[in-house]
Amino acid sequence: MKECKHVNIDYGKNIKDDETYCINCLIEEYQVENKKLKTENKHLKKKYISLDTKYYELIMEVDIKFGGLTRHETALKYIKEAETQPNKII
């Protein structure tokens, strides 16, 4: 059993660890975890914005869509064709 640093008596039971905490200890743990998740979320948001910008830049290079394809599908078609024929000058 873990002693609570806030009080000398055991309050709540954490079934997962079979340790006892007071509500203040649980709140502190959740606040630490929340801070970690917020930091991770900020990093993921920056990564998403970067990837989205790069994707948009690539897709907008397609001036003329092929047949009834979307810009994305046309870009994918062009890339696949270029990759299967590496000696072909584009």
Protein backbone atom coordinates (compact mmCIF):
# COMPACT_ATOMS: atom_id res chain seq x y z
CA MET A 1 0.00 0.00 0.00
CA LYS A 2 1.13 3.53 -0.80
CA GLU A 3 0.91 6.14 1.91
CA CYS A 4 -0.84 9.34 0.94
CA LYS A 5 1.36 12.40 1.19
CA HIS A 6 -1.61 14.63 1.97
CA VAL A 7 -3.13 12.80 4.92
CA ASN A 8 -2.28 9.87 7.16
CA ILE A 9 -5.37 7.85 6.33
CA ASP A 10 -6.25 5.89 3.22
CA TYR A 11 -9.17 7.23 1.18
CA GLY A 12 -9.73 5.77 -2.24
CA LYS A 13 -8.60 2.53 -3.83
CA ASN A 14 -6.94 2.35 -7.23
CA ILE A 15 -8.00 -1.12 -8.33
CA LYS A 16 -5.46 -1.27 -11.17
CA ASP A 17 -2.40 -0.94 -8.93
CA ASP A 18 -4.05 -2.12 -5.73
CA GLU A 19 -2.70 1.02 -4.08
CA THR A 20 -4.58 3.52 -2.00
CA TYR A 21 -4.67 7.24 -2.73
CA CYS A 22 -6.53 10.24 -1.47
CA ILE A 23 -8.44 12.37 -3.96
CA ASN A 24 -5.65 14.98 -3.98
CA CYS A 25 -3.10 12.36 -5.07
CA LEU A 26 -5.39 11.24 -7.90
CA ILE A 27 -5.95 14.83 -9.03
CA GLU A 28 -2.19 15.44 -9.08
CA GLU A 29 -1.62 12.32 -11.21
CA TYR A 30 -4.36 13.33 -13.65
CA GLN A 31 -2.94 16.86 -13.90
CA VAL A 32 0.51 15.48 -14.77
CA GLU A 33 -1.01 13.17 -17.40
CA ASN A 34 -3.13 16.02 -18.77
CA LYS A 35 -0.03 18.21 -19.16
CA LYS A 36 1.75 15.41 -21.06
CA LEU A 37 -1.24 14.95 -23.37
CA LYS A 38 -1.49 18.70 -24.06
CA THR A 39 2.19 18.79 -25.04
CA GLU A 40 1.78 15.76 -27.29
CA ASN A 41 -1.32 17.33 -28.85
CA LYS A 42 0.61 20.52 -29.68
CA HIS A 43 3.31 18.49 -31.43
CA LEU A 44 0.75 16.48 -33.37
CA LYS A 45 -1.08 19.65 -34.42
CA LYS A 46 2.17 21.17 -35.77
CA LYS A 47 2.93 17.95 -37.64
CA TYR A 48 -0.60 17.86 -39.11
CA ILE A 49 -0.36 21.48 -40.29
CA SER A 50 3.01 20.78 -41.91
CA LEU A 51 1.76 17.67 -43.70
CA ASP A 52 -1.46 19.38 -44.77
CA THR A 53 0.51 22.31 -46.23
CA LYS A 54 2.82 19.98 -48.15
CA TYR A 55 -0.10 17.91 -49.45
CA TYR A 56 -1.98 21.02 -50.60
CA GLU A 57 1.15 22.32 -52.35
CA LEU A 58 1.58 19.00 -54.18
CA ILE A 59 -2.06 18.68 -55.21
CA MET A 60 -2.26 22.27 -56.46
CA GLU A 61 0.57 21.51 -58.92
CA VAL A 62 -2.01 19.55 -60.92
CA ASP A 63 -3.32 22.13 -63.38
CA ILE A 64 -5.28 19.81 -65.62
CA LYS A 65 -7.17 16.91 -64.08
CA PHE A 66 -7.04 13.65 -66.01
CA GLY A 67 -10.44 12.50 -67.28
CA GLY A 68 -12.98 12.46 -64.47
CA LEU A 69 -10.32 12.14 -61.80
CA THR A 70 -9.81 14.46 -58.85
CA ARG A 71 -6.58 16.42 -58.41
CA HIS A 72 -5.47 13.83 -55.86
CA GLU A 73 -6.19 10.91 -58.18
CA THR A 74 -4.49 12.68 -61.10
CA ALA A 75 -1.38 13.44 -59.03
CA LEU A 76 -1.27 9.83 -57.88
CA LYS A 77 -1.59 8.62 -61.48
CA TYR A 78 1.25 10.90 -62.63
CA ILE A 79 3.50 9.81 -59.78
CA LYS A 80 2.84 6.12 -60.39
CA GLU A 81 3.52 6.53 -64.12
CA ALA A 82 6.76 8.39 -63.41
CA GLU A 83 7.88 5.73 -60.91
CA THR A 84 7.20 2.83 -63.29
CA GLN A 85 9.06 4.58 -66.13
CA PRO A 86 12.10 6.12 -64.40
CA ASN A 87 13.98 6.82 -67.64
CA LYS A 88 11.07 8.72 -69.18
CA ILE A 89 11.61 12.49 -69.22
CA ILE A 90 8.60 14.35 -67.91
